[in-house]
Structure formats: structure tokens, C-alpha cells
Amino acid sequence: MAKKEEMDLITAVVRHSLAEGALKAALEAGAPGITYFWARGTGVKENLGYAGTLIESEKQVLWVVTKKAETKKVLDAIIMAANLSLPGEGFAYVQPVTQAYGFLPGSQCGCGCEGK
């Protein structure tokens, strides 16, 4: 059996107005595909009083599964496109994927399909 491909899941919560740019940047950086959806949250905005009214509350969540070797490049592209280095713009994090099925052609998912 071939070696399993190591993969990560990038989750990014970005302002709606910057989501399209973040999607394009991730794809250009090598993301094989992206799942995204609308989200609303609470916390920081409410704690800032009047200043919180300036924060866009509607966000989009991006999920990107990448080969581990591509994770940093894709994550950096999302961070830059969505201004995630600035306070209140959103956030991103990475989780290891231990099993995956149905995508990343040629990857070894562990089910015996040999990447087919």
C-alpha cells in the first residue's frame, strides 16, 4: 500500500466583503477546492460598544482541505486577501485531517481504494 497523503483542514472566518478575494487567492495558491458558507457570530463586536458597530457582523466561513505541503502557502494567501492580520477582521486556524474520502485525486485515504 502506498503511503497516506498527509492533509490539513484550513478554516477561515472572513468578512463577507473580502470573501471573494480570499477564495480567489486560495485557489491561485493551490487550494484544490473550497467549501464556503455564511455565518454570524457574537463576542468582540458586542464588547466594543460604539466601535463594535463598525465591525461587519456577516462573515463567510471557508473550509479548504490541502496537502500538508501546500497548507502554509494557501493559508498565507487567505490571510493576506482577507486582512486577517488586522484586529476584528476574522481569523483562521489549521487542523490535521486524519481521514478523508472523495477528493484530492491520487491521495491515499486509508480505505484501500489506492486513491481511485
PDB file of N, CA and C in Angstrom:
ATOM      1  N   MET A   1       0.851  -1.184   0.000  1.00  0.00           N
ATOM      2  CA  MET A   1       0.000   0.000   0.000  1.00  0.00           C
ATOM      3  C   MET A   1       0.893   1.242   0.000  1.00  0.00           C
ATOM      4  N   ALA A   2       0.521   2.205  -0.792  1.00  0.00           N
ATOM      5  CA  ALA A   2       1.262   3.462  -0.856  1.00  0.00           C
ATOM      6  C   ALA A   2       1.080   4.243   0.445  1.00  0.00           C
ATOM      7  N   LYS A   3       2.025   5.133   0.684  1.00  0.00           N
ATOM      8  CA  LYS A   3       1.964   5.978   1.878  1.00  0.00           C
ATOM      9  C   LYS A   3       0.752   6.901   1.815  1.00  0.00           C
ATOM     10  N   LYS A   4       0.084   7.074   2.955  1.00  0.00           N
ATOM     11  CA  LYS A   4      -1.052   8.007   3.034  1.00  0.00           C
ATOM     12  C   LYS A   4      -0.574   9.435   2.835  1.00  0.00           C
ATOM     13  N   GLU A   5      -1.370  10.231   2.144  1.00  0.00           N
ATOM     14  CA  GLU A   5      -1.080  11.655   1.963  1.00  0.00           C
ATOM     15  C   GLU A   5      -1.466  12.395   3.238  1.00  0.00           C
ATOM     16  N   GLU A   6      -0.578  13.191   3.795  1.00  0.00           N
ATOM     17  CA  GLU A   6      -0.916  13.992   4.969  1.00  0.00           C
ATOM     18  C   GLU A   6      -1.651  15.238   4.513  1.00  0.00           C
ATOM     19  N   MET A   7      -2.775  15.538   5.188  1.00  0.00           N
ATOM     20  CA  MET A   7      -3.617  16.659   4.793  1.00  0.00           C
ATOM     21  C   MET A   7      -3.991  17.504   6.005  1.00  0.00           C
ATOM     22  N   ASP A   8      -4.364  18.751   5.727  1.00  0.00           N
ATOM     23  CA  ASP A   8      -4.838  19.680   6.746  1.00  0.00           C
ATOM     24  C   ASP A   8      -6.164  20.274   6.307  1.00  0.00           C
ATOM     25  N   LEU A   9      -6.946  20.717   7.284  1.00  0.00           N
ATOM     26  CA  LEU A   9      -8.157  21.492   7.027  1.00  0.00           C
ATOM     27  C   LEU A   9      -7.896  22.911   7.499  1.00  0.00           C
ATOM     28  N   ILE A  10      -7.966  23.852   6.563  1.00  0.00           N
ATOM     29  CA  ILE A  10      -7.878  25.270   6.907  1.00  0.00           C
ATOM     30  C   ILE A  10      -9.302  25.770   7.085  1.00  0.00           C
ATOM     31  N   THR A  11      -9.584  26.389   8.214  1.00  0.00           N
ATOM     32  CA  THR A  11     -10.863  27.053   8.444  1.00  0.00           C
ATOM     33  C   THR A  11     -10.568  28.534   8.594  1.00  0.00           C
ATOM     34  N   ALA A  12     -11.239  29.348   7.798  1.00  0.00           N
ATOM     35  CA  ALA A  12     -11.060  30.800   7.885  1.00  0.00           C
ATOM     36  C   ALA A  12     -12.425  31.455   7.989  1.00  0.00           C
ATOM     37  N   VAL A  13     -12.565  32.370   8.927  1.00  0.00           N
ATOM     38  CA  VAL A  13     -13.784  33.164   9.078  1.00  0.00           C
ATOM     39  C   VAL A  13     -13.409  34.574   8.640  1.00  0.00           C
ATOM     40  N   VAL A  14     -14.018  35.021   7.530  1.00  0.00           N
ATOM     41  CA  VAL A  14     -13.614  36.290   6.917  1.00  0.00           C
ATOM     42  C   VAL A  14     -14.818  37.195   6.705  1.00  0.00           C
ATOM     43  N   ARG A  15     -14.548  38.502   6.622  1.00  0.00           N
ATOM     44  CA  ARG A  15     -15.620  39.450   6.325  1.00  0.00           C
ATOM     45  C   ARG A  15     -16.233  39.102   4.977  1.00  0.00           C
ATOM     46  N   HIS A  16     -17.544  39.227   4.899  1.00  0.00           N
ATOM     47  CA  HIS A  16     -18.247  38.923   3.659  1.00  0.00           C
ATOM     48  C   HIS A  16     -17.664  39.704   2.483  1.00  0.00           C
ATOM     49  N   SER A  17     -17.362  40.966   2.698  1.00  0.00           N
ATOM     50  CA  SER A  17     -16.878  41.816   1.607  1.00  0.00           C
ATOM     51  C   SER A  17     -15.496  41.407   1.093  1.00  0.00           C
ATOM     52  N   LEU A  18     -14.758  40.607   1.853  1.00  0.00           N
ATOM     53  CA  LEU A  18     -13.432  40.161   1.428  1.00  0.00           C
ATOM     54  C   LEU A  18     -13.397  38.682   1.054  1.00  0.00           C
ATOM     55  N   ALA A  19     -14.526  38.003   1.170  1.00  0.00           N
ATOM     56  CA  ALA A  19     -14.561  36.559   0.943  1.00  0.00           C
ATOM     57  C   ALA A  19     -14.204  36.179  -0.489  1.00  0.00           C
ATOM     58  N   GLU A  20     -14.737  36.905  -1.460  1.00  0.00           N
ATOM     59  CA  GLU A  20     -14.466  36.574  -2.865  1.00  0.00           C
ATOM     60  C   GLU A  20     -12.967  36.647  -3.156  1.00  0.00           C
ATOM     61  N   GLY A  21     -12.311  37.683  -2.656  1.00  0.00           N
ATOM     62  CA  GLY A  21     -10.865  37.807  -2.845  1.00  0.00           C
ATOM     63  C   GLY A  21     -10.094  36.698  -2.154  1.00  0.00           C
ATOM     64  N   ALA A  22     -10.551  36.302  -0.969  1.00  0.00           N
ATOM     65  CA  ALA A  22      -9.895  35.216  -0.241  1.00  0.00           C
ATOM     66  C   ALA A  22     -10.062  33.894  -0.978  1.00  0.00           C
ATOM     67  N   LEU A  23     -11.251  33.670  -1.542  1.00  0.00           N
ATOM     68  CA  LEU A  23     -11.491  32.454  -2.325  1.00  0.00           C
ATOM     69  C   LEU A  23     -10.547  32.395  -3.521  1.00  0.00           C
ATOM     70  N   LYS A  24     -10.478  33.475  -4.269  1.00  0.00           N
ATOM     71  CA  LYS A  24      -9.614  33.519  -5.452  1.00  0.00           C
ATOM     72  C   LYS A  24      -8.149  33.338  -5.073  1.00  0.00           C
ATOM     73  N   ALA A  25      -7.718  34.002  -4.005  1.00  0.00           N
ATOM     74  CA  ALA A  25      -6.324  33.896  -3.568  1.00  0.00           C
ATOM     75  C   ALA A  25      -5.978  32.462  -3.169  1.00  0.00           C
ATOM     76  N   ALA A  26      -6.889  31.800  -2.459  1.00  0.00           N
ATOM     77  CA  ALA A  26      -6.648  30.414  -2.040  1.00  0.00           C
ATOM     78  C   ALA A  26      -6.529  29.494  -3.249  1.00  0.00           C
ATOM     79  N   LEU A  27      -7.413  29.666  -4.221  1.00  0.00           N
ATOM     80  CA  LEU A  27      -7.361  28.837  -5.429  1.00  0.00           C
ATOM     81  C   LEU A  27      -6.070  29.085  -6.204  1.00  0.00           C
ATOM     82  N   GLU A  28      -5.679  30.344  -6.329  1.00  0.00           N
ATOM     83  CA  GLU A  28      -4.436  30.677  -7.035  1.00  0.00           C
ATOM     84  C   GLU A  28      -3.210  30.132  -6.306  1.00  0.00           C
ATOM     85  N   ALA A  29      -3.311  29.987  -4.990  1.00  0.00           N
ATOM     86  CA  ALA A  29      -2.196  29.464  -4.189  1.00  0.00           C
ATOM     87  C   ALA A  29      -2.140  27.940  -4.198  1.00  0.00           C
ATOM     88  N   GLY A  30      -3.116  27.296  -4.826  1.00  0.00           N
ATOM     89  CA  GLY A  30      -3.075  25.845  -4.941  1.00  0.00           C
ATOM     90  C   GLY A  30      -4.164  25.078  -4.227  1.00  0.00           C
ATOM     91  N   ALA A  31      -5.140  25.762  -3.636  1.00  0.00           N
ATOM     92  CA  ALA A  31      -6.252  25.048  -2.990  1.00  0.00           C
ATOM     93  C   ALA A  31      -6.981  24.227  -4.055  1.00  0.00           C
ATOM     94  N   PRO A  32      -7.231  22.945  -3.793  1.00  0.00           N
ATOM     95  CA  PRO A  32      -7.909  22.114  -4.784  1.00  0.00           C
ATOM     96  C   PRO A  32      -9.398  22.436  -4.909  1.00  0.00           C
ATOM     97  N   GLY A  33      -9.963  23.072  -3.921  1.00  0.00           N
ATOM     98  CA  GLY A  33     -11.381  23.437  -3.901  1.00  0.00           C
ATOM     99  C   GLY A  33     -11.697  24.038  -2.545  1.00  0.00           C
ATOM    100  N   ILE A  34     -12.834  24.710  -2.459  1.00  0.00           N
ATOM    101  CA  ILE A  34     -13.196  25.392  -1.217  1.00  0.00           C
ATOM    102  C   ILE A  34     -14.682  25.202  -0.959  1.00  0.00           C
ATOM    103  N   THR A  35     -15.028  24.895   0.268  1.00  0.00           N
ATOM    104  CA  THR A  35     -16.416  24.916   0.710  1.00  0.00           C
ATOM    105  C   THR A  35     -16.579  26.187   1.522  1.00  0.00           C
ATOM    106  N   TYR A  36     -17.620  26.958   1.234  1.00  0.00           N
ATOM    107  CA  TYR A  36     -17.820  28.203   1.979  1.00  0.00           C
ATOM    108  C   TYR A  36     -19.296  28.418   2.247  1.00  0.00           C
ATOM    109  N   PHE A  37     -19.578  29.128   3.333  1.00  0.00           N
ATOM    110  CA  PHE A  37     -20.961  29.376   3.729  1.00  0.00           C
ATOM    111  C   PHE A  37     -21.024  30.611   4.613  1.00  0.00           C
ATOM    112  N   TRP A  38     -22.214  31.177   4.708  1.00  0.00           N
ATOM    113  CA  TRP A  38     -22.469  32.369   5.525  1.00  0.00           C
ATOM    114  C   TRP A  38     -22.452  32.015   7.003  1.00  0.00           C
ATOM    115  N   ALA A  39     -22.027  32.981   7.809  1.00  0.00           N
ATOM    116  CA  ALA A  39     -22.037  32.781   9.258  1.00  0.00           C
ATOM    117  C   ALA A  39     -22.196  34.125   9.954  1.00  0.00           C
ATOM    118  N   ARG A  40     -22.706  34.066  11.154  1.00  0.00           N
ATOM    119  CA  ARG A  40     -22.775  35.245  12.032  1.00  0.00           C
ATOM    120  C   ARG A  40     -22.222  34.813  13.371  1.00  0.00           C
ATOM    121  N   GLY A  41     -21.590  35.741  14.046  1.00  0.00           N
ATOM    122  CA  GLY A  41     -21.021  35.425  15.349  1.00  0.00           C
ATOM    123  C   GLY A  41     -21.315  36.522  16.343  1.00  0.00           C
ATOM    124  N   THR A  42     -20.885  36.287  17.550  1.00  0.00           N
ATOM    125  CA  THR A  42     -21.075  37.270  18.608  1.00  0.00           C
ATOM    126  C   THR A  42     -19.842  37.264  19.496  1.00  0.00           C
ATOM    127  N   GLY A  43     -19.603  38.343  20.180  1.00  0.00           N
ATOM    128  CA  GLY A  43     -18.457  38.398  21.084  1.00  0.00           C
ATOM    129  C   GLY A  43     -17.749  39.722  21.013  1.00  0.00           C
ATOM    130  N   VAL A  44     -16.735  39.808  20.169  1.00  0.00           N
ATOM    131  CA  VAL A  44     -15.897  41.005  20.089  1.00  0.00           C
ATOM    132  C   VAL A  44     -16.726  42.239  19.786  1.00  0.00           C
ATOM    133  N   LYS A  45     -17.608  42.153  18.813  1.00  0.00           N
ATOM    134  CA  LYS A  45     -18.411  43.311  18.396  1.00  0.00           C
ATOM    135  C   LYS A  45     -19.198  43.886  19.576  1.00  0.00           C
ATOM    136  N   GLU A  46     -19.834  43.040  20.343  1.00  0.00           N
ATOM    137  CA  GLU A  46     -20.662  43.481  21.464  1.00  0.00           C
ATOM    138  C   GLU A  46     -19.829  44.086  22.592  1.00  0.00           C
ATOM    139  N   ASN A  47     -18.614  43.623  22.749  1.00  0.00           N
ATOM    140  CA  ASN A  47     -17.746  44.116  23.825  1.00  0.00           C
ATOM    141  C   ASN A  47     -17.092  45.457  23.517  1.00  0.00           C
ATOM    142  N   LEU A  48     -17.187  45.920  22.280  1.00  0.00           N
ATOM    143  CA  LEU A  48     -16.528  47.167  21.890  1.00  0.00           C
ATOM    144  C   LEU A  48     -17.431  48.390  21.954  1.00  0.00           C
ATOM    145  N   GLY A  49     -18.695  48.218  22.329  1.00  0.00           N
ATOM    146  CA  GLY A  49     -19.612  49.359  22.397  1.00  0.00           C
ATOM    147  C   GLY A  49     -19.811  49.978  21.030  1.00  0.00           C
ATOM    148  N   TYR A  50     -19.722  51.319  20.957  1.00  0.00           N
ATOM    149  CA  TYR A  50     -19.948  52.016  19.687  1.00  0.00           C
ATOM    150  C   TYR A  50     -18.978  51.555  18.603  1.00  0.00           C
ATOM    151  N   ALA A  51     -17.718  51.360  18.957  1.00  0.00           N
ATOM    152  CA  ALA A  51     -16.730  50.925  17.963  1.00  0.00           C
ATOM    153  C   ALA A  51     -17.139  49.598  17.333  1.00  0.00           C
ATOM    154  N   GLY A  52     -17.860  48.778  18.079  1.00  0.00           N
ATOM    155  CA  GLY A  52     -18.318  47.498  17.557  1.00  0.00           C
ATOM    156  C   GLY A  52     -19.307  47.631  16.419  1.00  0.00           C
ATOM    157  N   THR A  53     -19.987  48.765  16.344  1.00  0.00           N
ATOM    158  CA  THR A  53     -20.942  48.958  15.246  1.00  0.00           C
ATOM    159  C   THR A  53     -20.228  49.100  13.911  1.00  0.00           C
ATOM    160  N   LEU A  54     -18.934  49.332  13.941  1.00  0.00           N
ATOM    161  CA  LEU A  54     -18.155  49.477  12.712  1.00  0.00           C
ATOM    162  C   LEU A  54     -17.669  48.139  12.166  1.00  0.00           C
ATOM    163  N   ILE A  55     -17.821  47.081  12.950  1.00  0.00           N
ATOM    164  CA  ILE A  55     -17.379  45.755  12.522  1.00  0.00           C
ATOM    165  C   ILE A  55     -18.505  45.074  11.754  1.00  0.00           C
ATOM    166  N   GLU A  56     -18.179  44.587  10.578  1.00  0.00           N
ATOM    167  CA  GLU A  56     -19.153  43.865   9.758  1.00  0.00           C
ATOM    168  C   GLU A  56     -19.438  42.523  10.429  1.00  0.00           C
ATOM    169  N   SER A  57     -20.692  42.285  10.797  1.00  0.00           N
ATOM    170  CA  SER A  57     -21.005  41.064  11.537  1.00  0.00           C
ATOM    171  C   SER A  57     -21.232  39.866  10.628  1.00  0.00           C
ATOM    172  N   GLU A  58     -21.582  40.089   9.385  1.00  0.00           N
ATOM    173  CA  GLU A  58     -21.786  38.957   8.490  1.00  0.00           C
ATOM    174  C   GLU A  58     -20.447  38.497   7.947  1.00  0.00           C
ATOM    175  N   LYS A  59     -20.197  37.235   8.128  1.00  0.00           N
ATOM    176  CA  LYS A  59     -18.924  36.637   7.728  1.00  0.00           C
ATOM    177  C   LYS A  59     -19.197  35.470   6.792  1.00  0.00           C
ATOM    178  N   GLN A  60     -18.131  34.996   6.185  1.00  0.00           N
ATOM    179  CA  GLN A  60     -18.183  33.740   5.464  1.00  0.00           C
ATOM    180  C   GLN A  60     -17.114  32.835   6.054  1.00  0.00           C
ATOM    181  N   VAL A  61     -17.454  31.571   6.169  1.00  0.00           N
ATOM    182  CA  VAL A  61     -16.516  30.567   6.642  1.00  0.00           C
ATOM    183  C   VAL A  61     -16.006  29.820   5.417  1.00  0.00           C
ATOM    184  N   LEU A  62     -14.698  29.679   5.323  1.00  0.00           N
ATOM    185  CA  LEU A  62     -14.074  28.936   4.236  1.00  0.00           C
ATOM    186  C   LEU A  62     -13.457  27.670   4.810  1.00  0.00           C
ATOM    187  N   TRP A  63     -13.719  26.560   4.167  1.00  0.00           N
ATOM    188  CA  TRP A  63     -13.066  25.295   4.518  1.00  0.00           C
ATOM    189  C   TRP A  63     -12.244  24.858   3.324  1.00  0.00           C
ATOM    190  N   VAL A  64     -10.973  24.601   3.552  1.00  0.00           N
ATOM    191  CA  VAL A  64     -10.084  24.157   2.485  1.00  0.00           C
ATOM    192  C   VAL A  64      -9.272  22.973   2.996  1.00  0.00           C
ATOM    193  N   VAL A  65      -9.371  21.839   2.321  1.00  0.00           N
ATOM    194  CA  VAL A  65      -8.523  20.701   2.645  1.00  0.00           C
ATOM    195  C   VAL A  65      -7.342  20.744   1.683  1.00  0.00           C
ATOM    196  N   THR A  66      -6.140  20.746   2.253  1.00  0.00           N
ATOM    197  CA  THR A  66      -4.933  20.840   1.444  1.00  0.00           C
ATOM    198  C   THR A  66      -3.967  19.722   1.798  1.00  0.00           C
ATOM    199  N   LYS A  67      -3.106  19.406   0.854  1.00  0.00           N
ATOM    200  CA  LYS A  67      -1.978  18.546   1.183  1.00  0.00           C
ATOM    201  C   LYS A  67      -1.104  19.346   2.144  1.00  0.00           C
ATOM    202  N   LYS A  68      -0.551  18.663   3.134  1.00  0.00           N
ATOM    203  CA  LYS A  68       0.217  19.346   4.180  1.00  0.00           C
ATOM    204  C   LYS A  68       1.305  20.246   3.594  1.00  0.00           C
ATOM    205  N   ALA A  69       1.928  19.838   2.519  1.00  0.00           N
ATOM    206  CA  ALA A  69       2.992  20.631   1.906  1.00  0.00           C
ATOM    207  C   ALA A  69       2.477  21.951   1.328  1.00  0.00           C
ATOM    208  N   GLU A  70       1.175  22.035   1.038  1.00  0.00           N
ATOM    209  CA  GLU A  70       0.584  23.236   0.447  1.00  0.00           C
ATOM    210  C   GLU A  70      -0.107  24.137   1.477  1.00  0.00           C
ATOM    211  N   THR A  71      -0.262  23.675   2.702  1.00  0.00           N
ATOM    212  CA  THR A  71      -1.057  24.393   3.702  1.00  0.00           C
ATOM    213  C   THR A  71      -0.574  25.818   3.945  1.00  0.00           C
ATOM    214  N   LYS A  72       0.701  26.006   4.201  1.00  0.00           N
ATOM    215  CA  LYS A  72       1.213  27.346   4.531  1.00  0.00           C
ATOM    216  C   LYS A  72       0.971  28.322   3.387  1.00  0.00           C
ATOM    217  N   LYS A  73       1.224  27.893   2.169  1.00  0.00           N
ATOM    218  CA  LYS A  73       1.040  28.768   1.005  1.00  0.00           C
ATOM    219  C   LYS A  73      -0.420  29.208   0.872  1.00  0.00           C
ATOM    220  N   VAL A  74      -1.348  28.269   1.010  1.00  0.00           N
ATOM    221  CA  VAL A  74      -2.777  28.585   0.891  1.00  0.00           C
ATOM    222  C   VAL A  74      -3.232  29.448   2.067  1.00  0.00           C
ATOM    223  N   LEU A  75      -2.818  29.083   3.280  1.00  0.00           N
ATOM    224  CA  LEU A  75      -3.190  29.857   4.465  1.00  0.00           C
ATOM    225  C   LEU A  75      -2.676  31.294   4.368  1.00  0.00           C
ATOM    226  N   ASP A  76      -1.429  31.464   3.968  1.00  0.00           N
ATOM    227  CA  ASP A  76      -0.867  32.814   3.828  1.00  0.00           C
ATOM    228  C   ASP A  76      -1.645  33.637   2.810  1.00  0.00           C
ATOM    229  N   ALA A  77      -2.079  33.014   1.718  1.00  0.00           N
ATOM    230  CA  ALA A  77      -2.851  33.725   0.695  1.00  0.00           C
ATOM    231  C   ALA A  77      -4.191  34.200   1.258  1.00  0.00           C
ATOM    232  N   ILE A  78      -4.843  33.358   2.050  1.00  0.00           N
ATOM    233  CA  ILE A  78      -6.121  33.734   2.668  1.00  0.00           C
ATOM    234  C   ILE A  78      -5.905  34.872   3.665  1.00  0.00           C
ATOM    235  N   ILE A  79      -4.878  34.753   4.492  1.00  0.00           N
ATOM    236  CA  ILE A  79      -4.589  35.784   5.498  1.00  0.00           C
ATOM    237  C   ILE A  79      -4.366  37.138   4.829  1.00  0.00           C
ATOM    238  N   MET A  80      -3.600  37.156   3.760  1.00  0.00           N
ATOM    239  CA  MET A  80      -3.317  38.419   3.059  1.00  0.00           C
ATOM    240  C   MET A  80      -4.586  38.980   2.408  1.00  0.00           C
ATOM    241  N   ALA A  81      -5.330  38.140   1.698  1.00  0.00           N
ATOM    242  CA  ALA A  81      -6.506  38.615   0.956  1.00  0.00           C
ATOM    243  C   ALA A  81      -7.625  39.081   1.873  1.00  0.00           C
ATOM    244  N   ALA A  82      -7.734  38.481   3.057  1.00  0.00           N
ATOM    245  CA  ALA A  82      -8.833  38.811   3.972  1.00  0.00           C
ATOM    246  C   ALA A  82      -8.399  39.724   5.118  1.00  0.00           C
ATOM    247  N   ASN A  83      -7.177  40.235   5.063  1.00  0.00           N
ATOM    248  CA  ASN A  83      -6.664  41.144   6.103  1.00  0.00           C
ATOM    249  C   ASN A  83      -6.724  40.534   7.502  1.00  0.00           C
ATOM    250  N   LEU A  84      -6.479  39.244   7.623  1.00  0.00           N
ATOM    251  CA  LEU A  84      -6.631  38.581   8.918  1.00  0.00           C
ATOM    252  C   LEU A  84      -5.551  38.958   9.927  1.00  0.00           C
ATOM    253  N   SER A  85      -4.531  39.668   9.500  1.00  0.00           N
ATOM    254  CA  SER A  85      -3.520  40.123  10.458  1.00  0.00           C
ATOM    255  C   SER A  85      -3.986  41.367  11.222  1.00  0.00           C
ATOM    256  N   LEU A  86      -5.131  41.936  10.819  1.00  0.00           N
ATOM    257  CA  LEU A  86      -5.679  43.117  11.493  1.00  0.00           C
ATOM    258  C   LEU A  86      -6.753  42.702  12.500  1.00  0.00           C
ATOM    259  N   PRO A  87      -6.824  43.350  13.660  1.00  0.00           N
ATOM    260  CA  PRO A  87      -7.838  43.015  14.666  1.00  0.00           C
ATOM    261  C   PRO A  87      -9.258  43.198  14.127  1.00  0.00           C
ATOM    262  N   GLY A  88     -10.123  42.268  14.455  1.00  0.00           N
ATOM    263  CA  GLY A  88     -11.533  42.370  14.097  1.00  0.00           C
ATOM    264  C   GLY A  88     -11.883  41.951  12.687  1.00  0.00           C
ATOM    265  N   GLU A  89     -10.896  41.509  11.909  1.00  0.00           N
ATOM    266  CA  GLU A  89     -11.158  41.153  10.512  1.00  0.00           C
ATOM    267  C   GLU A  89     -11.591  39.705  10.336  1.00  0.00           C
ATOM    268  N   GLY A  90     -11.384  38.886  11.327  1.00  0.00           N
ATOM    269  CA  GLY A  90     -11.700  37.464  11.219  1.00  0.00           C
ATOM    270  C   GLY A  90     -10.540  36.658  11.768  1.00  0.00           C
ATOM    271  N   PHE A  91     -10.542  35.364  11.487  1.00  0.00           N
ATOM    272  CA  PHE A  91      -9.470  34.505  11.981  1.00  0.00           C
ATOM    273  C   PHE A  91      -9.391  33.248  11.135  1.00  0.00           C
ATOM    274  N   ALA A  92      -8.305  32.525  11.294  1.00  0.00           N
ATOM    275  CA  ALA A  92      -8.113  31.262  10.583  1.00  0.00           C
ATOM    276  C   ALA A  92      -7.351  30.308  11.487  1.00  0.00           C
ATOM    277  N   TYR A  93      -7.574  29.030  11.280  1.00  0.00           N
ATOM    278  CA  TYR A  93      -6.815  28.020  12.006  1.00  0.00           C
ATOM    279  C   TYR A  93      -6.705  26.772  11.153  1.00  0.00           C
ATOM    280  N   VAL A  94      -5.776  25.894  11.526  1.00  0.00           N
ATOM    281  CA  VAL A  94      -5.486  24.683  10.765  1.00  0.00           C
ATOM    282  C   VAL A  94      -5.642  23.479  11.681  1.00  0.00           C
ATOM    283  N   GLN A  95      -6.278  22.437  11.150  1.00  0.00           N
ATOM    284  CA  GLN A  95      -6.433  21.177  11.875  1.00  0.00           C
ATOM    285  C   GLN A  95      -5.927  20.046  10.992  1.00  0.00           C
ATOM    286  N   PRO A  96      -5.295  19.028  11.575  1.00  0.00           N
ATOM    287  CA  PRO A  96      -4.896  17.882  10.768  1.00  0.00           C
ATOM    288  C   PRO A  96      -6.121  17.064  10.356  1.00  0.00           C
ATOM    289  N   VAL A  97      -6.077  16.537   9.154  1.00  0.00           N
ATOM    290  CA  VAL A  97      -7.132  15.645   8.661  1.00  0.00           C
ATOM    291  C   VAL A  97      -6.573  14.231   8.747  1.00  0.00           C
ATOM    292  N   THR A  98      -7.234  13.375   9.507  1.00  0.00           N
ATOM    293  CA  THR A  98      -6.729  12.013   9.666  1.00  0.00           C
ATOM    294  C   THR A  98      -7.335  11.043   8.664  1.00  0.00           C
ATOM    295  N   GLN A  99      -8.525  11.352   8.168  1.00  0.00           N
ATOM    296  CA  GLN A  99      -9.155  10.539   7.125  1.00  0.00           C
ATOM    297  C   GLN A  99      -9.986  11.442   6.241  1.00  0.00           C
ATOM    298  N   ALA A 100      -9.974  11.163   4.945  1.00  0.00           N
ATOM    299  CA  ALA A 100     -10.771  11.946   4.004  1.00  0.00           C
ATOM    300  C   ALA A 100     -11.163  11.046   2.844  1.00  0.00           C
ATOM    301  N   TYR A 101     -12.317  11.302   2.283  1.00  0.00           N
ATOM    302  CA  TYR A 101     -12.831  10.475   1.199  1.00  0.00           C
ATOM    303  C   TYR A 101     -13.456  11.355   0.131  1.00  0.00           C
ATOM    304  N   GLY A 102     -13.250  11.015  -1.124  1.00  0.00           N
ATOM    305  CA  GLY A 102     -13.985  11.654  -2.200  1.00  0.00           C
ATOM    306  C   GLY A 102     -13.333  12.840  -2.874  1.00  0.00           C
ATOM    307  N   PHE A 103     -12.095  13.156  -2.545  1.00  0.00           N
ATOM    308  CA  PHE A 103     -11.435  14.270  -3.213  1.00  0.00           C
ATOM    309  C   PHE A 103      -9.926  14.094  -3.157  1.00  0.00           C
ATOM    310  N   LEU A 104      -9.191  15.082  -3.622  1.00  0.00           N
ATOM    311  CA  LEU A 104      -7.740  15.036  -3.747  1.00  0.00           C
ATOM    312  C   LEU A 104      -7.305  13.783  -4.512  1.00  0.00           C
ATOM    313  N   PRO A 105      -7.539  13.759  -5.823  1.00  0.00           N
ATOM    314  CA  PRO A 105      -7.187  12.598  -6.642  1.00  0.00           C
ATOM    315  C   PRO A 105      -5.752  12.145  -6.399  1.00  0.00           C
ATOM    316  N   GLY A 106      -5.593  10.836  -6.301  1.00  0.00           N
ATOM    317  CA  GLY A 106      -4.274  10.265  -6.097  1.00  0.00           C
ATOM    318  C   GLY A 106      -3.848  10.191  -4.647  1.00  0.00           C
ATOM    319  N   SER A 107      -4.604  10.764  -3.739  1.00  0.00           N
ATOM    320  CA  SER A 107      -4.227  10.704  -2.330  1.00  0.00           C
ATOM    321  C   SER A 107      -4.679   9.378  -1.742  1.00  0.00           C
ATOM    322  N   GLN A 108      -4.025   8.976  -0.700  1.00  0.00           N
ATOM    323  CA  GLN A 108      -4.348   7.721  -0.036  1.00  0.00           C
ATOM    324  C   GLN A 108      -5.179   8.006   1.200  1.00  0.00           C
ATOM    325  N   CYS A 109      -6.418   7.589   1.196  1.00  0.00           N
ATOM    326  CA  CYS A 109      -7.319   7.907   2.295  1.00  0.00           C
ATOM    327  C   CYS A 109      -7.316   6.856   3.393  1.00  0.00           C
ATOM    328  N   GLY A 110      -6.736   5.699   3.134  1.00  0.00           N
ATOM    329  CA  GLY A 110      -6.692   4.672   4.157  1.00  0.00           C
ATOM    330  C   GLY A 110      -7.797   3.635   4.035  1.00  0.00           C
ATOM    331  N   CYS A 111      -8.664   3.769   3.032  1.00  0.00           N
ATOM    332  CA  CYS A 111      -9.791   2.841   2.910  1.00  0.00           C
ATOM    333  C   CYS A 111      -9.485   1.672   1.983  1.00  0.00           C
ATOM    334  N   GLY A 112      -8.302   1.646   1.395  1.00  0.00           N
ATOM    335  CA  GLY A 112      -7.951   0.562   0.493  1.00  0.00           C
ATOM    336  C   GLY A 112      -8.249   0.855  -0.966  1.00  0.00           C
ATOM    337  N   CYS A 113      -8.746   2.030  -1.274  1.00  0.00           N
ATOM    338  CA  CYS A 113      -9.106   2.357  -2.661  1.00  0.00           C
ATOM    339  C   CYS A 113      -7.888   2.723  -3.497  1.00  0.00           C
ATOM    340  N   GLU A 114      -6.733   2.903  -2.858  1.00  0.00           N
ATOM    341  CA  GLU A 114      -5.494   3.281  -3.535  1.00  0.00           C
ATOM    342  C   GLU A 114      -5.619   4.580  -4.314  1.00  0.00           C
ATOM    343  N   GLY A 115      -6.437   5.505  -3.837  1.00  0.00           N
ATOM    344  CA  GLY A 115      -6.546   6.814  -4.451  1.00  0.00           C
ATOM    345  C   GLY A 115      -7.389   6.862  -5.705  1.00  0.00           C
ATOM    346  N   LYS A 116      -8.190   5.829  -5.938  1.00  0.00           N
ATOM    347  CA  LYS A 116      -9.029   5.776  -7.150  1.00  0.00           C
ATOM    348  C   LYS A 116     -10.379   6.377  -6.900  1.00  0.00           C
TER     349      LYS A 116
END
